[in-house]
């Protein structure tokens, strides 16, 4: 007959307490490690957020600086062109003042002023369009940085950004060149006025349309291509 082994209750209690202590210690260790890991991730996320915020501010200042620089360049180019064309403008005004018909003279004066005001208005508009494109491009660059932080492959998007920058610069140069143009009519007699003004107006329209459908359109397309390249990055948040 086998003897029953009787373990005193005090030993059972001690074993149970030891087991609970050991389990608690292990659980506490796991908890501490998990908390430290979460803390590390939180710090890294916070640092990444601060870097992105700093980049956003940097890009904002860069866009504003470019806008002011472009504005000054256009104004300087226009002022220089008008100064160079002063003699030609004075000559045209003198011819217009000699027109005997008051209605024709007033109409001619108004049309001559309108030609260069139109050029000034449209070049200012195109300059603003390019500034808006630069703002959009800056936002896209922020998205690219976020995607890169998340280990996304953004090489194509970065290449597209560089191309867009080049197209915007080319468009800026084209706008500056257009702003530097001065439009004046050339006529000998009053009978030539209508044809002369029509010819200059058509030239202005051709130049402005060429700028709109050429350099400015290329810049807009390049920024759109950059956005499309960003959308190809897996799981990227493309919302503004």
Protein backbone atom coordinates (compact mmCIF):
# COMPACT_ATOMS: atom_id res chain seq x y z
CA UNK A 1 0.00 0.00 0.00
CA UNK A 2 1.45 3.35 -1.12
CA UNK A 3 2.00 6.03 1.44
CA UNK A 4 0.29 9.35 0.85
CA UNK A 5 2.57 12.30 0.81
CA UNK A 6 1.15 15.09 2.91
CA UNK A 7 2.53 18.55 2.23
CA UNK A 8 2.03 20.93 5.09
CA UNK A 9 -0.27 23.80 4.30
CA UNK A 10 2.39 26.35 5.12
CA UNK A 11 4.59 25.01 2.30
CA UNK A 12 1.64 25.15 -0.13
CA UNK A 13 0.97 28.74 0.79
CA UNK A 14 4.63 29.66 0.35
CA UNK A 15 4.78 28.00 -3.06
CA UNK A 16 1.62 29.76 -4.14
CA UNK A 17 2.94 33.13 -3.02
CA UNK A 18 6.25 32.51 -4.81
CA UNK A 19 4.40 31.59 -8.01
CA UNK A 20 2.29 34.72 -7.87
CA UNK A 21 5.35 36.90 -7.20
CA UNK A 22 7.23 35.35 -10.11
CA UNK A 23 4.29 35.79 -12.49
CA UNK A 24 3.79 39.37 -11.37
CA UNK A 25 7.45 40.15 -11.86
CA UNK A 26 7.39 38.74 -15.38
CA UNK A 27 4.22 40.62 -16.20
CA UNK A 28 5.69 43.84 -14.83
CA UNK A 29 8.83 43.35 -16.94
CA UNK A 30 6.78 42.82 -20.08
CA UNK A 31 4.65 45.84 -19.23
CA UNK A 32 7.72 48.02 -18.68
CA UNK A 33 9.22 46.97 -22.00
CA UNK A 34 5.97 47.62 -23.83
CA UNK A 35 5.60 51.02 -22.18
CA UNK A 36 9.18 51.92 -23.12
CA UNK A 37 8.56 50.84 -26.73
CA UNK A 38 5.40 52.93 -26.93
CA UNK A 39 7.27 55.87 -25.41
CA UNK A 40 10.05 55.51 -27.99
CA UNK A 41 7.55 55.40 -30.85
CA UNK A 42 5.78 58.43 -29.42
CA UNK A 43 9.04 60.38 -29.22
CA UNK A 44 10.01 59.39 -32.76
CA UNK A 45 6.56 60.40 -34.05
CA UNK A 46 6.78 63.71 -32.22
CA UNK A 47 10.25 64.39 -33.63
CA UNK A 48 9.07 63.54 -37.15
CA UNK A 49 6.09 65.86 -36.69
CA UNK A 50 8.33 68.69 -35.54
CA UNK A 51 10.64 68.16 -38.52
CA UNK A 52 7.70 68.24 -40.92
CA UNK A 53 6.35 71.38 -39.24
CA UNK A 54 9.75 73.04 -39.53
CA UNK A 55 9.97 71.99 -43.19
CA UNK A 56 6.50 73.43 -43.81
CA UNK A 57 7.53 76.79 -42.34
CA UNK A 58 10.76 76.74 -44.34
CA UNK A 59 8.92 76.06 -47.60
CA UNK A 60 6.36 78.76 -46.79
CA UNK A 61 9.11 81.34 -46.32
CA UNK A 62 10.83 80.13 -49.48
CA UNK A 63 7.64 80.52 -51.54
CA UNK A 64 7.02 84.01 -50.13
CA UNK A 65 10.61 85.02 -50.88
CA UNK A 66 10.32 83.74 -54.46
CA UNK A 67 7.03 85.59 -54.90
CA UNK A 68 8.55 88.89 -53.76
CA UNK A 69 11.65 88.33 -55.87
CA UNK A 70 9.53 87.57 -58.96
CA UNK A 71 7.38 90.65 -58.34
CA UNK A 72 10.45 92.87 -58.14
CA UNK A 73 11.93 91.33 -61.28
CA UNK A 74 8.74 91.92 -63.28
CA UNK A 75 8.40 95.49 -62.05
CA UNK A 76 12.05 96.21 -62.78
CA UNK A 77 11.81 94.70 -66.26
CA UNK A 78 8.66 96.69 -67.02
CA UNK A 79 10.14 99.95 -65.74
CA UNK A 80 13.35 99.44 -67.70
CA UNK A 81 11.44 98.60 -70.88
CA UNK A 82 9.21 101.64 -70.57
CA UNK A 83 12.23 103.85 -70.01
CA UNK A 84 13.92 102.46 -73.12
CA UNK A 85 10.72 102.90 -75.12
CA UNK A 86 10.07 106.41 -73.79
CA UNK A 87 11.14 108.12 -76.99
CA UNK A 88 8.96 105.81 -79.05
CA UNK A 89 5.98 106.34 -76.75
CA UNK A 90 6.47 110.11 -76.79
CA UNK A 91 6.61 110.01 -80.58
CA UNK A 92 3.34 108.06 -80.79
CA UNK A 93 1.63 110.43 -78.33
CA UNK A 94 2.80 113.41 -80.34
CA UNK A 95 1.34 111.89 -83.52
CA UNK A 96 -1.93 111.11 -81.79
CA UNK A 97 -2.17 114.69 -80.47
CA UNK A 98 -2.00 115.93 -84.05
CA UNK A 99 -5.15 114.06 -85.03
CA UNK A 100 -7.75 116.68 -85.84
CA UNK A 101 -10.82 114.57 -85.16
CA UNK A 102 -11.44 114.76 -81.39
CA UNK A 103 -13.22 111.41 -81.24
CA UNK A 104 -10.45 109.64 -83.12
CA UNK A 105 -7.79 111.33 -81.00
CA UNK A 106 -9.42 110.36 -77.70
CA UNK A 107 -10.05 106.82 -78.90
CA UNK A 108 -6.43 106.49 -80.05
CA UNK A 109 -5.10 107.77 -76.71
CA UNK A 110 -7.31 105.32 -74.82
CA UNK A 111 -6.34 102.36 -77.00
CA UNK A 112 -2.64 103.12 -76.73
CA UNK A 113 -2.86 103.18 -72.93
CA UNK A 114 -4.99 100.02 -72.87
CA UNK A 115 -2.43 98.01 -74.81
CA UNK A 116 0.25 98.24 -72.15
CA UNK A 117 -2.24 98.10 -69.27
CA UNK A 118 -3.51 94.79 -70.65
CA UNK A 119 0.02 93.45 -70.85
CA UNK A 120 0.69 94.60 -67.29
CA UNK A 121 -2.55 93.07 -66.00
CA UNK A 122 -2.01 89.69 -67.66
CA UNK A 123 1.64 89.36 -66.72
CA UNK A 124 0.65 90.12 -63.11
CA UNK A 125 -2.04 87.43 -63.37
CA UNK A 126 0.40 84.85 -64.73
CA UNK A 127 2.84 85.72 -61.96
CA UNK A 128 0.11 85.06 -59.38
CA UNK A 129 -0.73 81.74 -61.06
CA UNK A 130 2.90 80.68 -60.72
CA UNK A 131 2.89 81.69 -57.06
CA UNK A 132 -0.16 79.48 -56.50
CA UNK A 133 1.59 76.60 -58.25
CA UNK A 134 4.57 77.09 -55.95
CA UNK A 135 2.23 76.90 -52.94
CA UNK A 136 0.76 73.64 -54.22
CA UNK A 137 4.24 72.26 -54.90
CA UNK A 138 5.30 73.14 -51.34
CA UNK A 139 2.34 71.17 -49.95
CA UNK A 140 3.23 68.22 -52.15
CA UNK A 141 6.80 68.32 -50.85
CA UNK A 142 5.45 68.07 -47.29
CA UNK A 143 3.46 64.97 -48.30
CA UNK A 144 6.57 63.52 -49.88
CA UNK A 145 8.51 64.04 -46.67
CA UNK A 146 5.75 62.34 -44.66
CA UNK A 147 5.71 59.40 -47.06
CA UNK A 148 9.49 59.15 -46.89
CA UNK A 149 9.34 59.12 -43.09
CA UNK A 150 7.00 56.16 -43.42
CA UNK A 151 9.60 54.33 -45.54
CA UNK A 152 7.73 54.97 -48.78
CA UNK A 153 9.56 54.97 -52.14
CA UNK A 154 9.33 58.61 -53.20
CA UNK A 155 12.17 58.80 -55.73
CA UNK A 156 9.82 59.34 -58.71
CA UNK A 157 7.91 62.02 -56.81
CA UNK A 158 11.15 63.83 -55.94
CA UNK A 159 12.22 63.74 -59.58
CA UNK A 160 8.86 65.21 -60.56
CA UNK A 161 9.31 68.00 -57.99
CA UNK A 162 12.66 68.99 -59.50
CA UNK A 163 11.11 69.08 -62.97
CA UNK A 164 8.22 71.21 -61.71
CA UNK A 165 10.65 73.66 -60.11
CA UNK A 166 12.50 73.99 -63.41
CA UNK A 167 9.26 74.55 -65.35
CA UNK A 168 8.09 77.20 -62.89
CA UNK A 169 11.42 78.99 -63.16
CA UNK A 170 11.22 78.90 -66.96
CA UNK A 171 7.70 80.31 -66.78
CA UNK A 172 8.86 83.06 -64.40
CA UNK A 173 11.54 84.05 -66.90
CA UNK A 174 8.99 84.05 -69.73
CA UNK A 175 6.60 86.26 -67.72
CA UNK A 176 9.43 88.69 -66.96
CA UNK A 177 10.33 88.84 -70.65
CA UNK A 178 6.70 89.49 -71.59
CA UNK A 179 6.38 92.22 -68.95
CA UNK A 180 9.37 93.94 -70.52
CA UNK A 181 7.57 94.37 -73.84
CA UNK A 182 6.10 97.76 -74.77
CA UNK A 183 3.38 97.92 -77.40
CA UNK A 184 3.05 101.02 -79.57
CA UNK A 185 1.17 101.73 -82.77
CA UNK A 186 2.95 102.91 -85.87
CA UNK A 187 1.05 105.03 -88.42
CA UNK A 188 1.61 107.90 -90.80
CA UNK A 189 -1.92 109.13 -91.47
CA UNK A 190 -5.25 108.99 -89.69
CA UNK A 191 -6.50 106.53 -92.27
CA UNK A 192 -3.98 103.97 -91.02
CA UNK A 193 -5.09 104.14 -87.39
CA UNK A 194 -7.62 101.31 -87.45
CA UNK A 195 -5.29 98.87 -89.18
CA UNK A 196 -2.35 99.93 -87.00
CA UNK A 197 -4.19 99.35 -83.72
CA UNK A 198 -5.63 96.07 -84.96
CA UNK A 199 -2.15 94.81 -85.82
CA UNK A 200 -0.69 95.71 -82.40
CA UNK A 201 -3.68 94.23 -80.55
CA UNK A 202 -3.29 90.97 -82.47
CA UNK A 203 0.41 90.88 -81.62
CA UNK A 204 -0.34 91.41 -77.92
CA UNK A 205 -3.00 88.68 -78.01
CA UNK A 206 -0.58 86.30 -79.75
CA UNK A 207 2.16 86.97 -77.19
CA UNK A 208 -0.13 86.54 -74.15
CA UNK A 209 -1.79 83.42 -75.57
CA UNK A 210 1.62 81.94 -76.34
CA UNK A 211 2.74 82.56 -72.76
CA UNK A 212 -0.45 81.08 -71.32
CA UNK A 213 -0.46 77.98 -73.54
CA UNK A 214 3.31 77.58 -73.42
CA UNK A 215 5.46 78.19 -70.35
CA UNK A 216 2.62 78.72 -67.84
CA UNK A 217 0.75 75.63 -69.04
CA UNK A 218 3.96 73.57 -68.86
CA UNK A 219 4.48 74.67 -65.26
CA UNK A 220 0.91 73.73 -64.33
CA UNK A 221 1.26 70.33 -66.03
CA UNK A 222 4.54 69.66 -64.22
CA UNK A 223 2.94 70.32 -60.82
CA UNK A 224 0.02 68.04 -61.73
CA UNK A 225 2.51 65.33 -62.70
CA UNK A 226 4.18 65.73 -59.32
CA UNK A 227 0.86 65.16 -57.58
CA UNK A 228 0.21 62.07 -59.69
CA UNK A 229 3.68 60.72 -58.86
CA UNK A 230 2.95 61.19 -55.16
CA UNK A 231 -0.31 59.26 -55.48
CA UNK A 232 1.64 56.26 -56.76
CA UNK A 233 3.37 55.92 -53.39
CA UNK A 234 1.56 53.08 -51.53
CA UNK A 235 -0.69 54.14 -48.63
CA UNK A 236 0.24 57.80 -48.90
CA UNK A 237 -2.24 60.30 -47.56
CA UNK A 238 -2.83 62.65 -50.47
CA UNK A 239 -5.54 64.78 -48.89
CA UNK A 240 -4.71 68.42 -48.20
